[in-house]
Amino acid sequence: MLVAADAGDPAAEDKLALRYAEDARLHPGESVVCVSPRGLRYAVQL
């Protein structure tokens, strides 16, 4: 779907938008964990 949407397929864009709106797993919570290449891990409040 991503490739089709990137190529300009409006049906694929609509499907992706609907999936994003309906699937809570695709939305970040109140914070995210950042992991740096140097090994640091920390929470960032959104």
PDB file of N, CA and C in Angstrom:
ATOM      1  N   MET A   1       0.812  -1.187   0.000  1.00  0.00           N
ATOM      2  CA  MET A   1       0.000   0.000   0.000  1.00  0.00           C
ATOM      3  C   MET A   1       0.860   1.257   0.000  1.00  0.00           C
ATOM      4  N   LEU A   2       1.946   1.225   0.747  1.00  0.00           N
ATOM      5  CA  LEU A   2       2.812   2.413   0.800  1.00  0.00           C
ATOM      6  C   LEU A   2       3.394   2.745  -0.562  1.00  0.00           C
ATOM      7  N   VAL A   3       3.850   1.723  -1.270  1.00  0.00           N
ATOM      8  CA  VAL A   3       4.440   1.955  -2.585  1.00  0.00           C
ATOM      9  C   VAL A   3       3.379   2.500  -3.533  1.00  0.00           C
ATOM     10  N   ALA A   4       2.187   1.916  -3.490  1.00  0.00           N
ATOM     11  CA  ALA A   4       1.108   2.381  -4.361  1.00  0.00           C
ATOM     12  C   ALA A   4       0.714   3.819  -4.023  1.00  0.00           C
ATOM     13  N   ALA A   5       0.624   4.132  -2.741  1.00  0.00           N
ATOM     14  CA  ALA A   5       0.274   5.499  -2.339  1.00  0.00           C
ATOM     15  C   ALA A   5       1.358   6.482  -2.762  1.00  0.00           C
ATOM     16  N   ASP A   6       2.613   6.092  -2.625  1.00  0.00           N
ATOM     17  CA  ASP A   6       3.709   6.961  -3.062  1.00  0.00           C
ATOM     18  C   ASP A   6       3.688   7.190  -4.570  1.00  0.00           C
ATOM     19  N   ALA A   7       3.166   6.206  -5.303  1.00  0.00           N
ATOM     20  CA  ALA A   7       3.084   6.329  -6.753  1.00  0.00           C
ATOM     21  C   ALA A   7       1.860   7.141  -7.186  1.00  0.00           C
ATOM     22  N   GLY A   8       1.043   7.554  -6.218  1.00  0.00           N
ATOM     23  CA  GLY A   8      -0.093   8.409  -6.532  1.00  0.00           C
ATOM     24  C   GLY A   8      -1.437   7.708  -6.606  1.00  0.00           C
ATOM     25  N   ASP A   9      -1.533   6.484  -6.101  1.00  0.00           N
ATOM     26  CA  ASP A   9      -2.800   5.743  -6.121  1.00  0.00           C
ATOM     27  C   ASP A   9      -3.722   6.284  -5.029  1.00  0.00           C
ATOM     28  N   PRO A  10      -4.793   6.988  -5.397  1.00  0.00           N
ATOM     29  CA  PRO A  10      -5.662   7.578  -4.373  1.00  0.00           C
ATOM     30  C   PRO A  10      -6.379   6.535  -3.511  1.00  0.00           C
ATOM     31  N   ALA A  11      -6.694   5.367  -4.054  1.00  0.00           N
ATOM     32  CA  ALA A  11      -7.347   4.324  -3.256  1.00  0.00           C
ATOM     33  C   ALA A  11      -6.412   3.827  -2.162  1.00  0.00           C
ATOM     34  N   ALA A  12      -5.130   3.657  -2.496  1.00  0.00           N
ATOM     35  CA  ALA A  12      -4.150   3.225  -1.494  1.00  0.00           C
ATOM     36  C   ALA A  12      -3.976   4.303  -0.430  1.00  0.00           C
ATOM     37  N   GLU A  13      -3.972   5.566  -0.840  1.00  0.00           N
ATOM     38  CA  GLU A  13      -3.865   6.659   0.133  1.00  0.00           C
ATOM     39  C   GLU A  13      -5.045   6.639   1.095  1.00  0.00           C
ATOM     40  N   ASP A  14      -6.240   6.415   0.560  1.00  0.00           N
ATOM     41  CA  ASP A  14      -7.435   6.361   1.407  1.00  0.00           C
ATOM     42  C   ASP A  14      -7.376   5.200   2.384  1.00  0.00           C
ATOM     43  N   LYS A  15      -6.916   4.031   1.916  1.00  0.00           N
ATOM     44  CA  LYS A  15      -6.808   2.864   2.792  1.00  0.00           C
ATOM     45  C   LYS A  15      -5.810   3.120   3.918  1.00  0.00           C
ATOM     46  N   LEU A  16      -4.686   3.748   3.580  1.00  0.00           N
ATOM     47  CA  LEU A  16      -3.681   4.049   4.603  1.00  0.00           C
ATOM     48  C   LEU A  16      -4.215   5.048   5.620  1.00  0.00           C
ATOM     49  N   ALA A  17      -4.911   6.066   5.149  1.00  0.00           N
ATOM     50  CA  ALA A  17      -5.469   7.071   6.056  1.00  0.00           C
ATOM     51  C   ALA A  17      -6.486   6.438   7.001  1.00  0.00           C
ATOM     52  N   LEU A  18      -7.329   5.556   6.475  1.00  0.00           N
ATOM     53  CA  LEU A  18      -8.317   4.878   7.307  1.00  0.00           C
ATOM     54  C   LEU A  18      -7.644   3.981   8.331  1.00  0.00           C
ATOM     55  N   ARG A  19      -6.644   3.249   7.893  1.00  0.00           N
ATOM     56  CA  ARG A  19      -5.934   2.359   8.816  1.00  0.00           C
ATOM     57  C   ARG A  19      -5.274   3.159   9.939  1.00  0.00           C
ATOM     58  N   TYR A  20      -4.641   4.279   9.586  1.00  0.00           N
ATOM     59  CA  TYR A  20      -4.006   5.124  10.602  1.00  0.00           C
ATOM     60  C   TYR A  20      -5.042   5.646  11.597  1.00  0.00           C
ATOM     61  N   ALA A  21      -6.192   6.052  11.097  1.00  0.00           N
ATOM     62  CA  ALA A  21      -7.231   6.613  11.965  1.00  0.00           C
ATOM     63  C   ALA A  21      -7.807   5.555  12.905  1.00  0.00           C
ATOM     64  N   GLU A  22      -7.900   4.305  12.441  1.00  0.00           N
ATOM     65  CA  GLU A  22      -8.570   3.265  13.223  1.00  0.00           C
ATOM     66  C   GLU A  22      -7.647   2.431  14.108  1.00  0.00           C
ATOM     67  N   ASP A  23      -6.354   2.396  13.820  1.00  0.00           N
ATOM     68  CA  ASP A  23      -5.442   1.497  14.535  1.00  0.00           C
ATOM     69  C   ASP A  23      -4.629   2.272  15.571  1.00  0.00           C
ATOM     70  N   ALA A  24      -4.983   2.097  16.834  1.00  0.00           N
ATOM     71  CA  ALA A  24      -4.311   2.834  17.915  1.00  0.00           C
ATOM     72  C   ALA A  24      -2.829   2.510  18.012  1.00  0.00           C
ATOM     73  N   ARG A  25      -2.412   1.334  17.510  1.00  0.00           N
ATOM     74  CA  ARG A  25      -0.988   0.964  17.569  1.00  0.00           C
ATOM     75  C   ARG A  25      -0.121   1.884  16.709  1.00  0.00           C
ATOM     76  N   LEU A  26      -0.737   2.615  15.797  1.00  0.00           N
ATOM     77  CA  LEU A  26       0.020   3.489  14.907  1.00  0.00           C
ATOM     78  C   LEU A  26       0.188   4.895  15.462  1.00  0.00           C
ATOM     79  N   HIS A  27      -0.372   5.144  16.633  1.00  0.00           N
ATOM     80  CA  HIS A  27      -0.271   6.466  17.268  1.00  0.00           C
ATOM     81  C   HIS A  27       0.661   6.386  18.463  1.00  0.00           C
ATOM     82  N   PRO A  28       1.583   7.324  18.588  1.00  0.00           N
ATOM     83  CA  PRO A  28       2.447   7.302  19.769  1.00  0.00           C
ATOM     84  C   PRO A  28       1.642   7.675  21.015  1.00  0.00           C
ATOM     85  N   GLY A  29       2.129   7.263  22.136  1.00  0.00           N
ATOM     86  CA  GLY A  29       1.487   7.621  23.401  1.00  0.00           C
ATOM     87  C   GLY A  29       1.910   9.009  23.824  1.00  0.00           C
ATOM     88  N   GLU A  30       1.948   9.223  25.121  1.00  0.00           N
ATOM     89  CA  GLU A  30       2.339  10.529  25.642  1.00  0.00           C
ATOM     90  C   GLU A  30       3.840  10.733  25.605  1.00  0.00           C
ATOM     91  N   SER A  31       4.582   9.640  25.434  1.00  0.00           N
ATOM     92  CA  SER A  31       6.031   9.761  25.333  1.00  0.00           C
ATOM     93  C   SER A  31       6.557   8.660  24.414  1.00  0.00           C
ATOM     94  N   VAL A  32       7.756   8.867  23.921  1.00  0.00           N
ATOM     95  CA  VAL A  32       8.439   7.864  23.116  1.00  0.00           C
ATOM     96  C   VAL A  32       9.829   7.666  23.701  1.00  0.00           C
ATOM     97  N   VAL A  33      10.415   6.512  23.460  1.00  0.00           N
ATOM     98  CA  VAL A  33      11.764   6.234  23.936  1.00  0.00           C
ATOM     99  C   VAL A  33      12.728   6.486  22.788  1.00  0.00           C
ATOM    100  N   CYS A  34      13.693   7.348  23.013  1.00  0.00           N
ATOM    101  CA  CYS A  34      14.735   7.628  22.030  1.00  0.00           C
ATOM    102  C   CYS A  34      15.971   6.803  22.381  1.00  0.00           C
ATOM    103  N   VAL A  35      16.560   6.206  21.382  1.00  0.00           N
ATOM    104  CA  VAL A  35      17.775   5.423  21.561  1.00  0.00           C
ATOM    105  C   VAL A  35      18.814   5.997  20.607  1.00  0.00           C
ATOM    106  N   SER A  36      19.897   6.505  21.149  1.00  0.00           N
ATOM    107  CA  SER A  36      20.922   7.127  20.319  1.00  0.00           C
ATOM    108  C   SER A  36      21.966   6.090  19.895  1.00  0.00           C
ATOM    109  N   PRO A  37      22.698   6.378  18.831  1.00  0.00           N
ATOM    110  CA  PRO A  37      23.778   5.473  18.414  1.00  0.00           C
ATOM    111  C   PRO A  37      24.855   5.311  19.479  1.00  0.00           C
ATOM    112  N   ARG A  38      24.930   6.246  20.405  1.00  0.00           N
ATOM    113  CA  ARG A  38      25.929   6.181  21.487  1.00  0.00           C
ATOM    114  C   ARG A  38      25.460   5.324  22.658  1.00  0.00           C
ATOM    115  N   GLY A  39      24.259   4.747  22.550  1.00  0.00           N
ATOM    116  CA  GLY A  39      23.759   3.875  23.598  1.00  0.00           C
ATOM    117  C   GLY A  39      22.887   4.558  24.632  1.00  0.00           C
ATOM    118  N   LEU A  40      22.627   5.840  24.491  1.00  0.00           N
ATOM    119  CA  LEU A  40      21.761   6.538  25.435  1.00  0.00           C
ATOM    120  C   LEU A  40      20.307   6.180  25.157  1.00  0.00           C
ATOM    121  N   ARG A  41      19.543   6.011  26.218  1.00  0.00           N
ATOM    122  CA  ARG A  41      18.105   5.759  26.118  1.00  0.00           C
ATOM    123  C   ARG A  41      17.405   6.744  27.040  1.00  0.00           C
ATOM    124  N   TYR A  42      16.399   7.416  26.520  1.00  0.00           N
ATOM    125  CA  TYR A  42      15.652   8.330  27.361  1.00  0.00           C
ATOM    126  C   TYR A  42      14.262   8.554  26.777  1.00  0.00           C
ATOM    127  N   ALA A  43      13.322   8.884  27.663  1.00  0.00           N
ATOM    128  CA  ALA A  43      11.938   9.150  27.254  1.00  0.00           C
ATOM    129  C   ALA A  43      11.808  10.609  26.874  1.00  0.00           C
ATOM    130  N   VAL A  44      11.024  10.857  25.837  1.00  0.00           N
ATOM    131  CA  VAL A  44      10.734  12.215  25.397  1.00  0.00           C
ATOM    132  C   VAL A  44       9.227  12.393  25.486  1.00  0.00           C
ATOM    133  N   GLN A  45       8.796  13.394  26.253  1.00  0.00           N
ATOM    134  CA  GLN A  45       7.380  13.692  26.370  1.00  0.00           C
ATOM    135  C   GLN A  45       6.905  14.403  25.107  1.00  0.00           C
ATOM    136  N   LEU A  46       5.784  13.960  24.587  1.00  0.00           N
ATOM    137  CA  LEU A  46       5.245  14.581  23.362  1.00  0.00           C
ATOM    138  C   LEU A  46       4.218  15.622  23.670  1.00  0.00           C
TER     139      LEU A  46
END
